[in-house]
């Protein structure tokens, strides 16, 4: 799994809070990124919204941020959907 090329196809976030949550996925070097639609947070968190993503890289990092100053969030679970598309780097 060290050299695998993966397709990150979706993200589910169980989050409770106020305001709007903007998830973003980045490649480890920061060259590639994908920003799906924002998530409106509720109290209590009744469901896990699913957002489609489209990022092809070896690994990814996730950034979750609120859009307003006094918004807050409590993250209970993050599920990242991915599929292996290549077993090693070409060449």
N, C-alpha and C. Protein backbone atom coordinates (compact mmCIF):
# COMPACT_ATOMS: atom_id res chain seq x y z
N UNK A 1 0.83 -1.20 0.00
CA UNK A 1 0.00 0.00 0.00
C UNK A 1 0.86 1.25 0.00
N UNK A 2 2.14 1.11 0.10
CA UNK A 2 3.03 2.25 0.20
C UNK A 2 3.07 3.07 -1.08
N UNK A 3 3.08 2.40 -2.25
CA UNK A 3 3.20 3.11 -3.51
C UNK A 3 1.91 3.13 -4.31
N UNK A 4 0.80 2.71 -3.70
CA UNK A 4 -0.47 2.66 -4.41
C UNK A 4 -0.93 4.06 -4.81
N UNK A 5 -1.58 4.12 -5.98
CA UNK A 5 -2.25 5.34 -6.42
C UNK A 5 -3.74 5.12 -6.16
N UNK A 6 -4.36 6.02 -5.41
CA UNK A 6 -5.73 5.85 -4.96
C UNK A 6 -6.63 6.93 -5.54
N UNK A 7 -7.89 6.54 -5.75
CA UNK A 7 -8.92 7.50 -6.14
C UNK A 7 -9.82 7.71 -4.93
N UNK A 8 -9.83 8.92 -4.39
CA UNK A 8 -10.67 9.27 -3.25
C UNK A 8 -11.99 9.77 -3.83
N UNK A 9 -13.07 8.98 -3.61
CA UNK A 9 -14.33 9.25 -4.29
C UNK A 9 -15.43 9.85 -3.44
N UNK A 10 -15.25 9.88 -2.11
CA UNK A 10 -16.31 10.45 -1.29
C UNK A 10 -15.90 10.58 0.16
N UNK A 11 -16.64 11.39 0.89
CA UNK A 11 -16.38 11.62 2.30
C UNK A 11 -17.73 11.73 3.03
N UNK A 12 -17.79 11.10 4.21
CA UNK A 12 -18.95 11.22 5.10
C UNK A 12 -18.45 11.78 6.41
N UNK A 13 -19.12 12.78 6.94
CA UNK A 13 -18.69 13.41 8.19
C UNK A 13 -19.89 13.48 9.12
N UNK A 14 -19.77 12.86 10.29
CA UNK A 14 -20.81 13.03 11.32
C UNK A 14 -20.34 14.16 12.22
N UNK A 15 -21.00 15.30 12.09
CA UNK A 15 -20.56 16.51 12.77
C UNK A 15 -21.77 17.22 13.37
N UNK A 16 -21.55 17.78 14.53
CA UNK A 16 -22.58 18.55 15.22
C UNK A 16 -22.03 19.95 15.44
N UNK A 17 -22.87 20.95 15.29
CA UNK A 17 -22.40 22.31 15.50
C UNK A 17 -23.36 23.32 14.92
N UNK A 18 -22.84 24.50 14.72
CA UNK A 18 -23.66 25.57 14.13
C UNK A 18 -22.92 26.15 12.94
N UNK A 19 -23.69 26.54 11.95
CA UNK A 19 -23.09 27.16 10.78
C UNK A 19 -22.87 26.18 9.64
N UNK A 20 -21.91 26.51 8.81
CA UNK A 20 -21.61 25.74 7.61
C UNK A 20 -20.18 25.21 7.70
N UNK A 21 -20.02 23.93 7.36
CA UNK A 21 -18.70 23.28 7.39
C UNK A 21 -18.23 23.08 5.96
N UNK A 22 -17.00 23.50 5.66
CA UNK A 22 -16.44 23.34 4.33
C UNK A 22 -15.30 22.32 4.38
N UNK A 23 -15.52 21.09 3.86
CA UNK A 23 -14.43 20.12 3.79
C UNK A 23 -13.57 20.35 2.55
N UNK A 24 -12.29 20.00 2.64
CA UNK A 24 -11.37 20.06 1.51
C UNK A 24 -10.42 18.89 1.60
N UNK A 25 -10.08 18.29 0.46
CA UNK A 25 -9.10 17.21 0.38
C UNK A 25 -7.90 17.71 -0.40
N UNK A 26 -6.71 17.38 0.08
CA UNK A 26 -5.46 17.81 -0.54
C UNK A 26 -4.53 16.63 -0.72
N UNK A 27 -3.71 16.66 -1.77
CA UNK A 27 -2.62 15.70 -1.86
C UNK A 27 -1.56 16.11 -0.84
N UNK A 28 -0.67 15.20 -0.51
CA UNK A 28 0.31 15.48 0.55
C UNK A 28 1.25 16.63 0.18
N UNK A 29 1.54 16.80 -1.10
CA UNK A 29 2.42 17.90 -1.50
C UNK A 29 1.65 19.20 -1.72
N UNK A 30 0.32 19.14 -1.69
CA UNK A 30 -0.49 20.34 -1.83
C UNK A 30 -0.75 20.78 -3.26
N UNK A 31 -0.26 20.03 -4.26
CA UNK A 31 -0.46 20.43 -5.65
C UNK A 31 -1.88 20.18 -6.14
N UNK A 32 -2.50 19.09 -5.68
CA UNK A 32 -3.86 18.75 -6.09
C UNK A 32 -4.80 18.95 -4.91
N UNK A 33 -5.99 19.45 -5.21
CA UNK A 33 -6.98 19.61 -4.15
C UNK A 33 -8.37 19.48 -4.74
N UNK A 34 -9.32 19.11 -3.88
CA UNK A 34 -10.72 19.04 -4.27
C UNK A 34 -11.56 19.58 -3.12
N UNK A 35 -12.49 20.46 -3.43
CA UNK A 35 -13.37 21.07 -2.43
C UNK A 35 -14.81 20.72 -2.77
N UNK A 36 -15.42 19.76 -2.05
CA UNK A 36 -16.82 19.41 -2.31
C UNK A 36 -17.77 20.46 -1.77
N UNK A 37 -19.06 20.24 -1.97
CA UNK A 37 -20.08 21.16 -1.46
C UNK A 37 -20.02 21.23 0.06
N UNK A 38 -20.40 22.37 0.61
CA UNK A 38 -20.37 22.57 2.06
C UNK A 38 -21.48 21.77 2.74
N UNK A 39 -21.34 21.59 4.07
CA UNK A 39 -22.27 20.83 4.89
C UNK A 39 -22.88 21.79 5.90
N UNK A 40 -24.21 21.81 5.97
CA UNK A 40 -24.90 22.61 6.98
C UNK A 40 -25.00 21.77 8.24
N UNK A 41 -24.43 22.25 9.34
CA UNK A 41 -24.40 21.50 10.60
C UNK A 41 -25.69 21.70 11.37
N UNK A 42 -26.08 20.66 12.13
CA UNK A 42 -27.29 20.71 12.95
C UNK A 42 -26.96 20.24 14.36
N UNK A 43 -27.84 20.56 15.27
CA UNK A 43 -27.75 20.10 16.66
C UNK A 43 -29.02 19.36 17.00
N UNK A 44 -29.05 18.12 17.35
CA UNK A 44 -27.96 17.16 17.31
C UNK A 44 -27.72 16.66 15.87
N UNK A 45 -26.60 15.97 15.69
CA UNK A 45 -26.27 15.43 14.37
C UNK A 45 -27.13 14.21 14.10
N UNK A 46 -28.11 14.35 13.22
CA UNK A 46 -29.06 13.27 12.97
C UNK A 46 -28.61 12.30 11.89
N UNK A 47 -27.75 12.74 11.00
CA UNK A 47 -27.31 11.88 9.90
C UNK A 47 -25.89 12.26 9.51
N UNK A 48 -25.29 11.43 8.65
CA UNK A 48 -23.95 11.68 8.14
C UNK A 48 -24.05 12.09 6.68
N UNK A 49 -23.91 13.36 6.37
CA UNK A 49 -24.00 13.77 4.97
C UNK A 49 -22.83 13.22 4.15
N UNK A 50 -23.12 12.77 2.94
CA UNK A 50 -22.12 12.23 2.02
C UNK A 50 -21.83 13.28 0.95
N UNK A 51 -20.57 13.50 0.68
CA UNK A 51 -20.15 14.43 -0.38
C UNK A 51 -19.24 13.69 -1.35
N UNK A 52 -19.54 13.83 -2.64
CA UNK A 52 -18.69 13.25 -3.68
C UNK A 52 -17.39 14.02 -3.78
N UNK A 53 -16.30 13.30 -3.96
CA UNK A 53 -15.00 13.93 -4.18
C UNK A 53 -14.35 13.29 -5.40
N UNK A 54 -13.32 13.90 -5.91
CA UNK A 54 -12.60 13.36 -7.07
C UNK A 54 -11.14 13.79 -6.95
N UNK A 55 -10.34 12.95 -6.29
CA UNK A 55 -8.93 13.26 -6.09
C UNK A 55 -8.13 11.98 -6.29
N UNK A 56 -7.12 12.04 -7.14
CA UNK A 56 -6.26 10.88 -7.40
C UNK A 56 -4.86 11.22 -6.90
N UNK A 57 -4.41 10.46 -5.89
CA UNK A 57 -3.11 10.69 -5.28
C UNK A 57 -2.74 9.48 -4.42
N UNK A 58 -1.53 9.45 -3.89
CA UNK A 58 -1.12 8.34 -3.02
C UNK A 58 -1.77 8.43 -1.65
N UNK A 59 -1.78 9.58 -1.06
CA UNK A 59 -2.40 9.85 0.23
C UNK A 59 -3.07 11.20 0.17
N UNK A 60 -3.97 11.43 1.11
CA UNK A 60 -4.60 12.75 1.13
C UNK A 60 -4.73 13.24 2.56
N UNK A 61 -4.84 14.53 2.69
CA UNK A 61 -5.14 15.14 3.98
C UNK A 61 -6.46 15.88 3.85
N UNK A 62 -7.18 15.93 4.97
CA UNK A 62 -8.51 16.52 5.00
C UNK A 62 -8.48 17.77 5.86
N UNK A 63 -9.09 18.82 5.36
CA UNK A 63 -9.24 20.04 6.16
C UNK A 63 -10.73 20.35 6.30
N UNK A 64 -11.17 20.54 7.54
CA UNK A 64 -12.55 20.92 7.83
C UNK A 64 -12.51 22.31 8.45
N UNK A 65 -13.27 23.23 7.88
CA UNK A 65 -13.27 24.59 8.43
C UNK A 65 -14.68 25.17 8.38
N UNK A 66 -14.95 26.03 9.36
CA UNK A 66 -16.22 26.74 9.38
C UNK A 66 -16.05 28.05 8.61
N UNK A 67 -17.16 28.62 8.22
CA UNK A 67 -17.09 29.80 7.35
C UNK A 67 -17.30 31.12 8.09
N UNK A 68 -17.85 31.09 9.30
CA UNK A 68 -18.10 32.33 10.03
C UNK A 68 -17.31 32.32 11.34
N UNK A 69 -17.22 33.46 11.96
CA UNK A 69 -16.37 33.64 13.14
C UNK A 69 -16.84 32.84 14.35
N UNK A 70 -18.12 32.84 14.68
CA UNK A 70 -18.61 32.19 15.89
C UNK A 70 -19.19 30.80 15.65
N UNK A 71 -18.95 30.21 14.50
CA UNK A 71 -19.39 28.85 14.24
C UNK A 71 -18.51 27.88 15.02
N UNK A 72 -19.08 26.73 15.36
CA UNK A 72 -18.29 25.71 16.05
C UNK A 72 -18.67 24.35 15.50
N UNK A 73 -17.80 23.35 15.74
CA UNK A 73 -18.07 22.00 15.28
C UNK A 73 -17.53 20.98 16.26
N UNK A 74 -18.23 19.87 16.35
CA UNK A 74 -17.77 18.69 17.07
C UNK A 74 -17.83 17.53 16.09
N UNK A 75 -16.68 16.99 15.73
CA UNK A 75 -16.61 15.91 14.76
C UNK A 75 -16.63 14.59 15.50
N UNK A 76 -17.59 13.72 15.15
CA UNK A 76 -17.71 12.42 15.79
C UNK A 76 -17.13 11.30 14.94
N UNK A 77 -17.24 11.44 13.62
CA UNK A 77 -16.72 10.38 12.76
C UNK A 77 -16.47 10.94 11.36
N UNK A 78 -15.38 10.45 10.75
CA UNK A 78 -15.07 10.77 9.35
C UNK A 78 -14.85 9.45 8.63
N UNK A 79 -15.56 9.26 7.52
CA UNK A 79 -15.38 8.07 6.68
C UNK A 79 -14.93 8.55 5.32
N UNK A 80 -13.80 8.02 4.85
CA UNK A 80 -13.23 8.41 3.57
C UNK A 80 -13.33 7.21 2.62
N UNK A 81 -13.95 7.41 1.47
CA UNK A 81 -14.12 6.34 0.49
C UNK A 81 -13.03 6.46 -0.57
N UNK A 82 -12.31 5.35 -0.80
CA UNK A 82 -11.25 5.37 -1.81
C UNK A 82 -11.17 4.01 -2.48
N UNK A 83 -10.51 3.99 -3.64
CA UNK A 83 -10.33 2.76 -4.40
C UNK A 83 -8.93 2.79 -5.00
N UNK A 84 -8.25 1.66 -4.93
CA UNK A 84 -6.92 1.56 -5.53
C UNK A 84 -7.07 1.49 -7.04
N UNK A 85 -6.34 2.35 -7.78
CA UNK A 85 -6.40 2.31 -9.24
C UNK A 85 -5.08 1.85 -9.84
N UNK A 86 -3.94 2.05 -9.17
CA UNK A 86 -2.65 1.53 -9.60
C UNK A 86 -1.92 0.99 -8.39
N UNK A 87 -1.15 -0.09 -8.58
CA UNK A 87 -0.44 -0.70 -7.45
C UNK A 87 0.94 -0.11 -7.22
N UNK A 88 1.44 0.65 -8.20
CA UNK A 88 2.74 1.30 -8.03
C UNK A 88 2.84 2.49 -8.97
N UNK A 89 3.84 3.31 -8.74
CA UNK A 89 4.05 4.46 -9.60
C UNK A 89 4.52 4.01 -10.98
N UNK A 90 4.09 4.69 -12.05
CA UNK A 90 4.55 4.29 -13.38
C UNK A 90 6.04 4.57 -13.55
N UNK A 91 6.66 3.72 -14.35
CA UNK A 91 8.07 3.96 -14.67
C UNK A 91 9.01 3.03 -14.14
